[in-house]
Amino acid sequence: MTQLPRSGPPAGRFSPPLPKLPDGYLANGYFDEKGNVRPEVIQVWPPALARTFTKEAYPKLNTAQLRRFYNKVCNIRQRLDGNQPFDVLKEQIYSLGPLVAAAVGRKTAPQIFKDFIDMNIPHAVRSEEHFRRGFLVHFQSVVAYAKFYNPEGGG
């Protein structure tokens, strides 16, 4: 009987655990019970995510690639500013998932970045306020911290 080759690292090699999203990430959404943006959305999770995306994950996400995805989100905001109805633009938010999946498949983005987008999409499509004051502000903070941790922009 012929044995198939094993997948994964060769025997004897240590494979580090895959990075994970922060504990409790978005468990209670973007807003507190008073409708204010939770501090962790801007101050706690973004630096941890940016460091993970650009320094710890494999493949590393360079800041130019991160910025390209953020620009897609900004384009949705511009279309909202141009009075396109939010319900029509939801499909653009949903389309971020397959775009990131393709980048992961090409090995130009790490799986944890896909996890980040996949976790944010259901929150971002709840309402225009969730998109603007929640997702957009959160993603903007991640991009800013990524530039802080990786000022040269390379991956």
C-alpha atoms as a PDB file:
ATOM      1  CA  MET A   1       0.000   0.000   0.000  1.00  0.00           C
ATOM      2  CA  THR A   2       1.431   3.360  -1.036  1.00  0.00           C
ATOM      3  CA  GLN A   3       1.396   6.126   1.515  1.00  0.00           C
ATOM      4  CA  LEU A   4       0.423   9.594   0.422  1.00  0.00           C
ATOM      5  CA  PRO A   5       2.792  12.382   1.380  1.00  0.00           C
ATOM      6  CA  ARG A   6       1.900  14.246   4.550  1.00  0.00           C
ATOM      7  CA  SER A   7       0.702  17.785   4.289  1.00  0.00           C
ATOM      8  CA  GLY A   8       2.065  20.458   6.576  1.00  0.00           C
ATOM      9  CA  PRO A   9       5.578  21.023   7.834  1.00  0.00           C
ATOM     10  CA  PRO A  10       8.143  18.234   7.650  1.00  0.00           C
ATOM     11  CA  ALA A  11       8.465  15.965  10.677  1.00  0.00           C
ATOM     12  CA  GLY A  12      10.365  17.561  13.519  1.00  0.00           C
ATOM     13  CA  ARG A  13       9.587  21.111  12.452  1.00  0.00           C
ATOM     14  CA  PHE A  14       7.666  23.378  14.770  1.00  0.00           C
ATOM     15  CA  SER A  15       4.770  25.230  13.235  1.00  0.00           C
ATOM     16  CA  PRO A  16       3.791  28.326  15.241  1.00  0.00           C
ATOM     17  CA  PRO A  17       0.103  28.773  15.983  1.00  0.00           C
ATOM     18  CA  LEU A  18      -1.838  30.949  13.579  1.00  0.00           C
ATOM     19  CA  PRO A  19      -2.545  34.453  14.884  1.00  0.00           C
ATOM     20  CA  LYS A  20      -6.059  34.989  16.206  1.00  0.00           C
ATOM     21  CA  LEU A  21      -8.306  37.983  16.547  1.00  0.00           C
ATOM     22  CA  PRO A  22      -8.225  39.546  20.040  1.00  0.00           C
ATOM     23  CA  ASP A  23     -10.292  37.821  22.723  1.00  0.00           C
ATOM     24  CA  GLY A  24     -13.857  39.145  22.747  1.00  0.00           C
ATOM     25  CA  TYR A  25     -13.327  40.908  19.421  1.00  0.00           C
ATOM     26  CA  LEU A  26     -16.607  42.568  18.349  1.00  0.00           C
ATOM     27  CA  ALA A  27     -18.575  40.330  20.722  1.00  0.00           C
ATOM     28  CA  ASN A  28     -20.642  43.372  21.711  1.00  0.00           C
ATOM     29  CA  GLY A  29     -20.392  45.231  18.402  1.00  0.00           C
ATOM     30  CA  TYR A  30     -19.031  48.721  17.798  1.00  0.00           C
ATOM     31  CA  PHE A  31     -21.271  50.641  20.199  1.00  0.00           C
ATOM     32  CA  ASP A  32     -21.994  50.619  23.918  1.00  0.00           C
ATOM     33  CA  GLU A  33     -25.502  50.703  25.409  1.00  0.00           C
ATOM     34  CA  LYS A  34     -25.600  54.519  25.036  1.00  0.00           C
ATOM     35  CA  GLY A  35     -24.729  54.419  21.343  1.00  0.00           C
ATOM     36  CA  ASN A  36     -21.133  55.574  21.804  1.00  0.00           C
ATOM     37  CA  VAL A  37     -18.280  53.902  19.962  1.00  0.00           C
ATOM     38  CA  ARG A  38     -16.591  51.478  22.341  1.00  0.00           C
ATOM     39  CA  PRO A  39     -13.031  52.600  23.214  1.00  0.00           C
ATOM     40  CA  GLU A  40     -11.588  49.229  22.209  1.00  0.00           C
ATOM     41  CA  VAL A  41     -12.827  49.800  18.635  1.00  0.00           C
ATOM     42  CA  ILE A  42     -10.413  52.734  18.275  1.00  0.00           C
ATOM     43  CA  GLN A  43      -7.787  52.349  20.996  1.00  0.00           C
ATOM     44  CA  VAL A  44      -7.324  48.694  21.934  1.00  0.00           C
ATOM     45  CA  TRP A  45      -7.991  46.395  18.986  1.00  0.00           C
ATOM     46  CA  PRO A  46      -6.474  48.461  16.134  1.00  0.00           C
ATOM     47  CA  PRO A  47      -2.874  48.488  17.405  1.00  0.00           C
ATOM     48  CA  ALA A  48      -3.021  44.755  18.154  1.00  0.00           C
ATOM     49  CA  LEU A  49      -4.532  43.999  14.735  1.00  0.00           C
ATOM     50  CA  ALA A  50      -2.104  46.243  12.861  1.00  0.00           C
ATOM     51  CA  ARG A  51       0.891  44.658  14.587  1.00  0.00           C
ATOM     52  CA  THR A  52      -0.444  41.189  13.823  1.00  0.00           C
ATOM     53  CA  PHE A  53      -1.205  41.959  10.159  1.00  0.00           C
ATOM     54  CA  THR A  54       2.144  43.631   9.431  1.00  0.00           C
ATOM     55  CA  LYS A  55       4.594  41.931  11.803  1.00  0.00           C
ATOM     56  CA  GLU A  56       3.343  38.570  13.090  1.00  0.00           C
ATOM     57  CA  ALA A  57       1.152  36.977  10.433  1.00  0.00           C
ATOM     58  CA  TYR A  58       2.318  35.027   7.411  1.00  0.00           C
ATOM     59  CA  PRO A  59       2.266  36.258   4.825  1.00  0.00           C
ATOM     60  CA  LYS A  60       2.662  39.712   6.274  1.00  0.00           C
ATOM     61  CA  LEU A  61       0.216  42.302   5.000  1.00  0.00           C
ATOM     62  CA  ASN A  62       2.109  45.304   3.720  1.00  0.00           C
ATOM     63  CA  THR A  63       0.625  48.713   4.381  1.00  0.00           C
ATOM     64  CA  ALA A  64       0.031  49.362   0.676  1.00  0.00           C
ATOM     65  CA  GLN A  65      -2.142  46.245   0.438  1.00  0.00           C
ATOM     66  CA  LEU A  66      -3.988  47.189   3.637  1.00  0.00           C
ATOM     67  CA  ARG A  67      -4.527  50.691   2.269  1.00  0.00           C
ATOM     68  CA  ARG A  68      -5.988  49.293  -0.981  1.00  0.00           C
ATOM     69  CA  PHE A  69      -8.693  47.498   0.979  1.00  0.00           C
ATOM     70  CA  TYR A  70      -9.299  50.538   3.153  1.00  0.00           C
ATOM     71  CA  ASN A  71      -9.651  52.669  -0.005  1.00  0.00           C
ATOM     72  CA  LYS A  72     -12.425  50.347  -1.177  1.00  0.00           C
ATOM     73  CA  VAL A  73     -14.243  51.081   2.088  1.00  0.00           C
ATOM     74  CA  CYS A  74     -13.641  54.823   1.618  1.00  0.00           C
ATOM     75  CA  ASN A  75     -15.115  54.540  -1.874  1.00  0.00           C
ATOM     76  CA  ILE A  76     -18.299  53.131  -0.346  1.00  0.00           C
ATOM     77  CA  ARG A  77     -18.403  56.102   2.045  1.00  0.00           C
ATOM     78  CA  GLN A  78     -17.984  58.514  -0.885  1.00  0.00           C
ATOM     79  CA  ARG A  79     -20.896  56.874  -2.658  1.00  0.00           C
ATOM     80  CA  LEU A  80     -22.978  57.302   0.510  1.00  0.00           C
ATOM     81  CA  ASP A  81     -21.931  60.945   0.617  1.00  0.00           C
ATOM     82  CA  GLY A  82     -23.184  61.161  -2.978  1.00  0.00           C
ATOM     83  CA  ASN A  83     -26.632  60.069  -1.749  1.00  0.00           C
ATOM     84  CA  GLN A  84     -26.564  56.476  -2.931  1.00  0.00           C
ATOM     85  CA  PRO A  85     -28.854  54.490  -0.616  1.00  0.00           C
ATOM     86  CA  PHE A  86     -27.107  52.371   2.004  1.00  0.00           C
ATOM     87  CA  ASP A  87     -29.167  49.295   1.077  1.00  0.00           C
ATOM     88  CA  VAL A  88     -27.789  49.480  -2.477  1.00  0.00           C
ATOM     89  CA  LEU A  89     -24.206  49.781  -1.186  1.00  0.00           C
ATOM     90  CA  LYS A  90     -24.430  46.785   1.142  1.00  0.00           C
ATOM     91  CA  GLU A  91     -23.400  44.531  -1.735  1.00  0.00           C
ATOM     92  CA  GLN A  92     -20.136  46.482  -1.950  1.00  0.00           C
ATOM     93  CA  ILE A  93     -19.498  45.802   1.742  1.00  0.00           C
ATOM     94  CA  TYR A  94     -20.298  42.111   1.280  1.00  0.00           C
ATOM     95  CA  SER A  95     -17.944  41.983  -1.723  1.00  0.00           C
ATOM     96  CA  LEU A  96     -14.979  42.725   0.548  1.00  0.00           C
ATOM     97  CA  GLY A  97     -15.133  39.106   1.735  1.00  0.00           C
ATOM     98  CA  PRO A  98     -14.395  37.479  -1.642  1.00  0.00           C
ATOM     99  CA  LEU A  99     -11.789  40.124  -2.494  1.00  0.00           C
ATOM    100  CA  VAL A 100      -9.862  39.389   0.693  1.00  0.00           C
ATOM    101  CA  ALA A 101     -10.296  35.636   0.185  1.00  0.00           C
ATOM    102  CA  ALA A 102      -8.656  36.005  -3.240  1.00  0.00           C
ATOM    103  CA  ALA A 103      -5.734  37.905  -1.677  1.00  0.00           C
ATOM    104  CA  VAL A 104      -5.306  35.141   0.911  1.00  0.00           C
ATOM    105  CA  GLY A 105      -5.422  32.580  -1.898  1.00  0.00           C
ATOM    106  CA  ARG A 106      -2.683  34.483  -3.754  1.00  0.00           C
ATOM    107  CA  LYS A 107      -0.707  34.596  -0.497  1.00  0.00           C
ATOM    108  CA  THR A 108      -0.609  38.401  -0.511  1.00  0.00           C
ATOM    109  CA  ALA A 109      -2.679  38.634   2.684  1.00  0.00           C
ATOM    110  CA  PRO A 110      -2.776  36.517   5.844  1.00  0.00           C
ATOM    111  CA  GLN A 111      -5.764  34.452   6.948  1.00  0.00           C
ATOM    112  CA  ILE A 112      -6.223  36.680  10.005  1.00  0.00           C
ATOM    113  CA  PHE A 113      -6.948  39.646   7.735  1.00  0.00           C
ATOM    114  CA  LYS A 114      -9.736  37.611   6.132  1.00  0.00           C
ATOM    115  CA  ASP A 115     -10.981  36.763   9.640  1.00  0.00           C
ATOM    116  CA  PHE A 116     -10.985  40.503  10.438  1.00  0.00           C
ATOM    117  CA  ILE A 117     -13.021  41.396   7.343  1.00  0.00           C
ATOM    118  CA  ASP A 118     -15.380  38.427   7.778  1.00  0.00           C
ATOM    119  CA  MET A 119     -16.023  39.412  11.406  1.00  0.00           C
ATOM    120  CA  ASN A 120     -16.688  43.066  10.519  1.00  0.00           C
ATOM    121  CA  ILE A 121     -19.013  42.585   7.535  1.00  0.00           C
ATOM    122  CA  PRO A 122     -22.122  41.528   9.529  1.00  0.00           C
ATOM    123  CA  HIS A 123     -21.675  44.529  11.829  1.00  0.00           C
ATOM    124  CA  ALA A 124     -20.942  46.989   9.015  1.00  0.00           C
ATOM    125  CA  VAL A 125     -24.095  46.117   7.036  1.00  0.00           C
ATOM    126  CA  ARG A 126     -26.467  46.627   9.990  1.00  0.00           C
ATOM    127  CA  SER A 127     -26.933  50.303   9.239  1.00  0.00           C
ATOM    128  CA  GLU A 128     -25.256  53.321   7.728  1.00  0.00           C
ATOM    129  CA  GLU A 129     -24.273  54.376  11.261  1.00  0.00           C
ATOM    130  CA  HIS A 130     -22.622  50.999  11.921  1.00  0.00           C
ATOM    131  CA  PHE A 131     -20.739  51.365   8.665  1.00  0.00           C
ATOM    132  CA  ARG A 132     -19.643  54.987   9.155  1.00  0.00           C
ATOM    133  CA  ARG A 133     -19.113  55.317  12.905  1.00  0.00           C
ATOM    134  CA  GLY A 134     -18.176  51.689  13.510  1.00  0.00           C
ATOM    135  CA  PHE A 135     -16.440  49.889  10.679  1.00  0.00           C
ATOM    136  CA  LEU A 136     -14.965  52.876   8.856  1.00  0.00           C
ATOM    137  CA  VAL A 137     -13.530  54.426  12.034  1.00  0.00           C
ATOM    138  CA  HIS A 138     -12.250  51.038  13.224  1.00  0.00           C
ATOM    139  CA  PHE A 139     -10.578  50.226   9.896  1.00  0.00           C
ATOM    140  CA  GLN A 140      -9.101  53.747   9.717  1.00  0.00           C
ATOM    141  CA  SER A 141      -7.530  53.177  13.147  1.00  0.00           C
ATOM    142  CA  VAL A 142      -6.048  49.850  12.017  1.00  0.00           C
ATOM    143  CA  VAL A 143      -4.526  51.528   8.935  1.00  0.00           C
ATOM    144  CA  ALA A 144      -3.067  54.338  11.054  1.00  0.00           C
ATOM    145  CA  TYR A 145      -1.461  51.893  13.489  1.00  0.00           C
ATOM    146  CA  ALA A 146      -0.148  49.781  10.609  1.00  0.00           C
ATOM    147  CA  LYS A 147       1.689  52.839   9.332  1.00  0.00           C
ATOM    148  CA  PHE A 148       3.029  53.405  12.865  1.00  0.00           C
ATOM    149  CA  TYR A 149       4.334  49.823  13.147  1.00  0.00           C
ATOM    150  CA  ASN A 150       5.554  49.626   9.578  1.00  0.00           C
ATOM    151  CA  PRO A 151       6.501  53.155   8.422  1.00  0.00           C
ATOM    152  CA  GLU A 152       8.369  51.872   5.361  1.00  0.00           C
ATOM    153  CA  GLY A 153       5.210  50.151   4.121  1.00  0.00           C
ATOM    154  CA  GLY A 154       6.832  46.888   3.044  1.00  0.00           C
ATOM    155  CA  GLY A 155       5.684  43.509   4.152  1.00  0.00           C
END
